[in-house]
């Protein structure tokens, strides 16, 4: 069968790979759509320390059940439209033992530490397969990236009485915007691109801040009566936005960190202590796929507006090249496999 392979940094090829082997408890999925993620872009650029080559990318999956092993529960039937949870967990490390399998020490995400879904078919354990009778193609491919932002909102214990600042309105940040708004919070979205801020408003942001045109700190202070936000979600991965999150959050506030900074970040640690902040990392997602599926099924927000471009399978190399050349122009690229 055909698959897309990152042969080496900036070299993408269509390759022939063996058909997946279907285990007793596995589901064979015919892939329809795959979303490209920032981790895929880093792998393409050769900037990911955890990706080896060659690697089949892809962990934002939409497909159809083609076959099931004899040990698969009856709830998963041939022909069902599904997405998948792309993470693995060992069950033995400290994170797994306390139920936080999303940050398993030995996690292997599809398309990152192991070959992914940008292929004609994949086989995966039935516990990772989530069906939906109401979602179609592109919608199912959005479940995983939105779940990462939704998990961040859960990590921040967002409630309806909170004011939440989301720094960065890529797909993951927009997932945090949508989740916080769904929980009833007042949401401030910050980015440097007006198009992404427009999306943030569509997904529930009450206020938007373009930090290239206004003093973000002053605007946030004005919006919060000088108190700062209750929760700040960092979804960019820059030293400046990490510091802004700590500075903008209120006393006794919560800071949730999703973005990976590519360089060391210098903090005024006095703020950690004097504000008595809760500072939390947020990795992957934990038990939120069903909630995100329900959120999409309700169709109260135009989530498919996140999709900037759809590319055919044969043009995957061009999709990576275009995204790498102008990352700010894209929120989500989907590859149509079948």
Protein backbone atom coordinates (compact mmCIF):
# COMPACT_ATOMS: atom_id res chain seq x y z
CA UNK A 1 0.00 0.00 0.00
CA UNK A 2 1.02 3.64 -0.35
CA UNK A 3 2.21 5.90 2.44
CA UNK A 4 3.83 9.30 2.79
CA UNK A 5 7.33 9.11 4.22
CA UNK A 6 9.59 11.80 5.65
CA UNK A 7 12.72 10.22 4.25
CA UNK A 8 14.91 12.89 5.79
CA UNK A 9 14.39 16.55 6.70
CA UNK A 10 12.62 18.39 3.86
CA UNK A 11 12.37 15.27 1.72
CA UNK A 12 8.87 13.80 1.40
CA UNK A 13 8.13 10.79 -0.80
CA UNK A 14 5.27 8.45 -1.62
CA UNK A 15 6.51 4.98 -0.69
CA UNK A 16 5.29 1.39 -0.77
CA UNK A 17 4.94 -0.15 2.67
CA UNK A 18 3.61 -3.52 3.85
CA UNK A 19 -0.06 -3.92 4.63
CA UNK A 20 -0.74 -3.53 8.36
CA UNK A 21 -1.16 -6.75 10.32
CA UNK A 22 -4.53 -7.07 12.01
CA UNK A 23 -4.23 -8.44 15.53
CA UNK A 24 -7.02 -10.17 17.41
CA UNK A 25 -8.08 -6.94 19.19
CA UNK A 26 -7.19 -4.56 16.37
CA UNK A 27 -9.24 -2.48 13.97
CA UNK A 28 -8.21 -1.95 10.35
CA UNK A 29 -9.00 1.61 9.34
CA UNK A 30 -9.18 2.90 5.80
CA UNK A 31 -7.77 6.42 6.12
CA UNK A 32 -9.81 9.23 4.61
CA UNK A 33 -8.26 12.42 5.97
CA UNK A 34 -5.17 13.29 8.00
CA UNK A 35 -4.48 16.66 9.60
CA UNK A 36 -0.95 18.02 9.69
CA UNK A 37 0.28 19.11 13.11
CA UNK A 38 3.06 21.39 14.32
CA UNK A 39 5.01 18.29 15.36
CA UNK A 40 4.82 17.11 11.74
CA UNK A 41 6.18 20.47 10.58
CA UNK A 42 9.05 20.24 13.06
CA UNK A 43 9.81 16.74 11.80
CA UNK A 44 9.77 18.00 8.21
CA UNK A 45 12.16 20.79 9.13
CA UNK A 46 14.45 18.43 11.04
CA UNK A 47 13.82 20.24 14.33
CA UNK A 48 12.21 17.44 16.33
CA UNK A 49 14.58 15.72 18.79
CA UNK A 50 12.28 12.69 19.09
CA UNK A 51 11.68 11.88 15.40
CA UNK A 52 13.92 9.46 13.52
CA UNK A 53 13.88 8.96 9.75
CA UNK A 54 12.32 7.63 7.68
CA UNK A 55 9.00 8.32 9.42
CA UNK A 56 5.38 8.16 8.26
CA UNK A 57 3.75 11.25 9.82
CA UNK A 58 0.17 11.81 10.85
CA UNK A 59 -1.82 11.48 14.06
CA UNK A 60 -4.96 13.55 13.35
CA UNK A 61 -7.09 10.84 11.81
CA UNK A 62 -10.41 10.46 10.06
CA UNK A 63 -11.29 7.13 8.53
CA UNK A 64 -13.66 4.22 8.18
CA UNK A 65 -13.53 0.77 9.76
CA UNK A 66 -12.58 -1.74 7.06
CA UNK A 67 -12.09 -4.85 9.20
CA UNK A 68 -12.14 -5.88 12.84
CA UNK A 69 -10.27 -8.59 14.67
CA UNK A 70 -12.23 -11.36 16.42
CA UNK A 71 -11.59 -9.81 19.85
CA UNK A 72 -13.00 -6.36 19.02
CA UNK A 73 -16.19 -5.35 20.90
CA UNK A 74 -19.45 -5.26 18.93
CA UNK A 75 -19.67 -1.49 19.35
CA UNK A 76 -17.12 -1.04 16.56
CA UNK A 77 -18.58 -2.20 13.26
CA UNK A 78 -17.33 -2.30 9.70
CA UNK A 79 -18.23 0.87 7.86
CA UNK A 80 -18.24 3.04 11.00
CA UNK A 81 -16.75 6.52 10.68
CA UNK A 82 -14.01 6.90 13.30
CA UNK A 83 -11.13 8.89 14.63
CA UNK A 84 -8.32 7.50 16.77
CA UNK A 85 -6.43 8.40 19.91
CA UNK A 86 -2.82 8.35 18.66
CA UNK A 87 -1.06 7.98 22.02
CA UNK A 88 0.33 4.89 23.71
CA UNK A 89 1.07 4.26 27.37
CA UNK A 90 3.07 1.69 29.26
CA UNK A 91 0.79 1.28 32.27
CA UNK A 92 3.76 1.04 34.63
CA UNK A 93 5.46 4.45 34.89
CA UNK A 94 4.62 6.97 37.60
CA UNK A 95 2.23 8.90 35.34
CA UNK A 96 0.34 5.78 34.30
CA UNK A 97 0.09 4.54 37.87
CA UNK A 98 -1.77 7.70 38.90
CA UNK A 99 -4.06 7.58 35.86
CA UNK A 100 -2.40 10.31 33.80
CA UNK A 101 -1.62 8.11 30.83
CA UNK A 102 -1.51 11.11 28.49
CA UNK A 103 1.94 11.99 29.87
CA UNK A 104 3.26 8.43 30.04
CA UNK A 105 7.03 8.53 30.26
CA UNK A 106 7.25 6.07 27.38
CA UNK A 107 4.42 7.41 25.21
CA UNK A 108 4.78 6.84 21.48
CA UNK A 109 2.50 9.06 19.42
CA UNK A 110 1.56 8.03 15.90
CA UNK A 111 3.73 9.85 13.38
CA UNK A 112 6.22 11.01 15.99
CA UNK A 113 7.97 8.18 17.84
CA UNK A 114 6.33 5.54 15.61
CA UNK A 115 4.92 5.47 12.10
CA UNK A 116 1.67 7.34 11.72
CA UNK A 117 -1.53 7.47 9.73
CA UNK A 118 -0.56 9.22 6.50
CA UNK A 119 -1.08 5.97 4.64
CA UNK A 120 -3.92 4.15 2.93
CA UNK A 121 -4.65 1.94 5.95
CA UNK A 122 -3.58 1.49 9.56
CA UNK A 123 -4.28 -1.16 12.20
CA UNK A 124 -4.72 -0.04 15.79
CA UNK A 125 -6.07 -1.48 19.06
CA UNK A 126 -9.81 -1.08 19.43
CA UNK A 127 -9.41 0.92 22.65
CA UNK A 128 -7.93 3.75 20.58
CA UNK A 129 -10.84 3.87 18.11
CA UNK A 130 -13.70 6.37 18.63
CA UNK A 131 -16.72 6.25 16.30
CA UNK A 132 -19.22 8.96 15.52
CA UNK A 133 -22.43 8.59 13.55
CA UNK A 134 -22.79 12.35 13.08
CA UNK A 135 -19.31 13.54 12.12
CA UNK A 136 -17.82 13.31 8.64
CA UNK A 137 -14.38 13.48 7.03
CA UNK A 138 -12.74 16.76 7.98
CA UNK A 139 -14.62 17.01 11.28
CA UNK A 140 -13.21 13.75 12.61
CA UNK A 141 -9.67 14.84 11.70
CA UNK A 142 -10.12 17.88 13.97
CA UNK A 143 -10.95 15.87 17.09
CA UNK A 144 -7.37 15.15 18.19
CA UNK A 145 -5.90 18.67 17.88
CA UNK A 146 -8.96 20.24 19.52
CA UNK A 147 -8.69 17.69 22.33
CA UNK A 148 -5.20 18.94 23.19
CA UNK A 149 -6.56 22.43 23.82
CA UNK A 150 -9.61 21.04 25.62
CA UNK A 151 -7.32 19.09 27.95
CA UNK A 152 -5.38 22.28 28.67
CA UNK A 153 -8.62 23.98 29.75
CA UNK A 154 -9.31 21.01 32.02
CA UNK A 155 -5.79 21.23 33.46
CA UNK A 156 -6.47 24.89 34.24
CA UNK A 157 -9.70 23.95 36.04
CA UNK A 158 -11.55 26.50 33.93
CA UNK A 159 -14.97 27.42 35.33
CA UNK A 160 -17.77 29.75 34.31
CA UNK A 161 -16.58 32.42 36.75
CA UNK A 162 -13.11 32.61 35.17
CA UNK A 163 -11.51 35.00 32.75
CA UNK A 164 -9.16 32.98 30.55
CA UNK A 165 -6.34 34.28 28.36
CA UNK A 166 -5.25 32.04 25.49
CA UNK A 167 -1.94 33.05 23.96
CA UNK A 168 -1.72 31.67 20.44
CA UNK A 169 -4.60 30.83 18.13
CA UNK A 170 -3.31 27.89 16.19
CA UNK A 171 -5.54 24.83 16.19
CA UNK A 172 -4.50 23.77 19.70
CA UNK A 173 -4.95 27.27 21.12
CA UNK A 174 -8.33 27.51 19.41
CA UNK A 175 -9.25 24.22 21.05
CA UNK A 176 -8.53 25.87 24.40
CA UNK A 177 -10.63 28.90 23.37
CA UNK A 178 -13.57 26.68 22.41
CA UNK A 179 -13.32 24.56 25.54
CA UNK A 180 -13.09 27.56 27.88
CA UNK A 181 -16.03 29.24 26.16
CA UNK A 182 -18.04 26.03 26.37
CA UNK A 183 -17.39 25.94 30.12
CA UNK A 184 -18.87 29.44 30.36
CA UNK A 185 -15.63 31.40 30.88
CA UNK A 186 -14.91 34.88 29.55
CA UNK A 187 -12.14 34.31 26.98
CA UNK A 188 -9.44 36.69 25.76
CA UNK A 189 -7.59 35.39 22.67
CA UNK A 190 -4.18 36.78 21.73
CA UNK A 191 -2.31 36.29 18.46
CA UNK A 192 -0.39 38.22 15.80
CA UNK A 193 -2.69 37.27 12.89
CA UNK A 194 -6.12 38.85 12.45
CA UNK A 195 -7.46 35.83 10.56
CA UNK A 196 -6.73 33.57 13.53
CA UNK A 197 -8.26 36.07 15.91
CA UNK A 198 -11.39 36.10 13.75
CA UNK A 199 -11.53 32.32 14.14
CA UNK A 200 -11.13 32.72 17.89
CA UNK A 201 -14.22 34.93 18.01
CA UNK A 202 -16.18 32.40 15.98
CA UNK A 203 -15.20 29.70 18.47
CA UNK A 204 -16.22 31.67 21.52
CA UNK A 205 -13.62 34.31 22.41
CA UNK A 206 -15.19 37.38 23.97
CA UNK A 207 -12.20 39.64 23.31
CA UNK A 208 -9.24 39.49 20.93
CA UNK A 209 -5.82 41.13 21.15
CA UNK A 210 -3.40 41.53 18.25
CA UNK A 211 -0.09 42.01 20.04
CA UNK A 212 1.57 43.51 16.97
CA UNK A 213 -0.76 46.52 17.07
CA UNK A 214 -1.45 47.18 20.73
CA UNK A 215 0.13 46.90 24.13
CA UNK A 216 -1.10 43.45 25.13
CA UNK A 217 -0.34 43.89 28.81
CA UNK A 218 -2.22 47.18 29.02
CA UNK A 219 -5.21 45.78 27.11
CA UNK A 220 -5.45 42.71 29.33
CA UNK A 221 -5.18 44.88 32.44
CA UNK A 222 -7.97 47.08 31.10
CA UNK A 223 -10.20 44.09 30.33
CA UNK A 224 -9.70 42.62 33.80
CA UNK A 225 -9.93 45.80 35.84
CA UNK A 226 -6.22 45.55 36.60
CA UNK A 227 -6.59 42.18 38.33
CA UNK A 228 -5.25 39.94 35.58
CA UNK A 229 -6.81 36.77 34.21
CA UNK A 230 -7.71 33.75 36.32
CA UNK A 231 -6.17 31.32 33.84
CA UNK A 232 -3.50 31.89 31.18
CA UNK A 233 -2.95 29.20 28.54
CA UNK A 234 0.36 29.44 26.68
CA UNK A 235 -0.03 27.82 23.25
CA UNK A 236 2.78 29.50 21.29
CA UNK A 237 6.11 28.33 22.67
CA UNK A 238 8.06 31.60 22.73
CA UNK A 239 9.94 33.10 25.69
CA UNK A 240 7.94 36.32 25.33
CA UNK A 241 4.57 34.57 25.54
CA UNK A 242 5.67 32.39 28.44
CA UNK A 243 6.63 35.53 30.37
CA UNK A 244 3.43 37.30 29.31
CA UNK A 245 1.35 34.42 30.69
CA UNK A 246 2.99 34.76 34.10
CA UNK A 247 2.72 38.54 34.08
CA UNK A 248 -0.91 38.63 32.90
CA UNK A 249 -2.31 36.07 35.31
CA UNK A 250 -3.95 37.21 38.54
CA UNK A 251 -2.77 36.57 42.07
CA UNK A 252 -3.65 32.95 42.95
CA UNK A 253 -4.07 32.29 39.23
CA UNK A 254 -3.26 29.28 37.06
CA UNK A 255 -0.83 29.11 34.13
CA UNK A 256 -1.11 26.21 31.69
CA UNK A 257 1.80 25.56 29.33
CA UNK A 258 1.22 23.73 26.04
CA UNK A 259 3.82 25.32 23.73
CA UNK A 260 7.37 24.00 23.50
CA UNK A 261 9.83 26.90 23.65
CA UNK A 262 12.83 26.35 21.38
CA UNK A 263 15.12 28.27 23.70
CA UNK A 264 15.54 28.85 27.41
CA UNK A 265 13.02 31.18 29.08
CA UNK A 266 14.12 33.67 31.77
CA UNK A 267 11.41 34.38 34.36
CA UNK A 268 11.06 36.86 37.17
CA UNK A 269 10.43 34.09 39.67
CA UNK A 270 9.25 36.58 42.29
CA UNK A 271 5.91 36.46 40.46
CA UNK A 272 5.66 32.70 40.98
CA UNK A 273 5.92 33.16 44.74
CA UNK A 274 4.19 36.47 45.35
CA UNK A 275 1.20 35.48 43.21
CA UNK A 276 1.31 31.90 44.54
CA UNK A 277 0.73 30.62 41.02
CA UNK A 278 -0.23 27.15 39.92
CA UNK A 279 2.00 26.52 36.88
CA UNK A 280 1.13 23.39 34.95
CA UNK A 281 2.28 21.58 31.89
CA UNK A 282 -0.32 20.16 29.52
CA UNK A 283 0.57 17.28 27.22
CA UNK A 284 -1.61 15.46 24.68
CA UNK A 285 -5.10 14.86 26.12
CA UNK A 286 -6.72 12.72 28.78
CA UNK A 287 -10.21 11.25 28.45
CA UNK A 288 -11.58 14.22 26.50
CA UNK A 289 -12.08 12.72 23.03
CA UNK A 290 -15.76 11.91 23.76
CA UNK A 291 -16.37 15.48 24.99
CA UNK A 292 -14.74 16.96 21.91
CA UNK A 293 -16.73 14.66 19.64
CA UNK A 294 -19.92 15.81 21.36
CA UNK A 295 -18.84 19.44 20.99
CA UNK A 296 -18.33 18.95 17.25
CA UNK A 297 -21.55 16.97 16.86
CA UNK A 298 -23.53 19.85 18.38
CA UNK A 299 -22.30 22.06 15.51
CA UNK A 300 -22.79 25.22 17.55
CA UNK A 301 -19.48 26.61 16.29
CA UNK A 302 -18.00 26.56 12.75
CA UNK A 303 -15.07 24.27 13.55
CA UNK A 304 -14.44 23.37 9.91
CA UNK A 305 -13.44 27.01 9.36
CA UNK A 306 -10.16 25.94 10.98
CA UNK A 307 -9.25 24.15 7.76
CA UNK A 308 -7.14 26.49 5.65
CA UNK A 309 -6.34 24.08 2.85
CA UNK A 310 -7.10 20.54 1.72
CA UNK A 311 -4.40 18.81 -0.32
CA UNK A 312 -4.61 15.50 -2.19
CA UNK A 313 -2.45 12.62 -1.00
CA UNK A 314 -0.16 12.91 -4.02
CA UNK A 315 0.62 16.55 -3.14
CA UNK A 316 1.67 15.94 0.46
CA UNK A 317 5.22 17.09 -0.24
CA UNK A 318 3.89 20.40 -1.56
CA UNK A 319 1.69 20.77 1.53
CA UNK A 320 4.71 20.50 3.81
CA UNK A 321 6.79 22.86 1.66
CA UNK A 322 4.08 25.52 1.53
CA UNK A 323 3.45 25.32 5.26
CA UNK A 324 7.13 25.53 6.08
CA UNK A 325 7.57 28.56 3.82
CA UNK A 326 4.68 30.54 5.37
CA UNK A 327 3.44 28.96 8.63
CA UNK A 328 1.45 32.04 9.64
CA UNK A 329 -0.85 31.62 6.64
CA UNK A 330 -2.22 28.29 7.78
CA UNK A 331 -4.32 27.18 10.71
CA UNK A 332 -4.91 23.59 9.62
CA UNK A 333 -3.89 21.67 6.50
CA UNK A 334 -5.70 18.43 5.78
CA UNK A 335 -4.47 15.74 3.44
CA UNK A 336 -7.23 13.86 1.61
CA UNK A 337 -6.04 10.25 1.44
CA UNK A 338 -9.14 8.63 -0.04
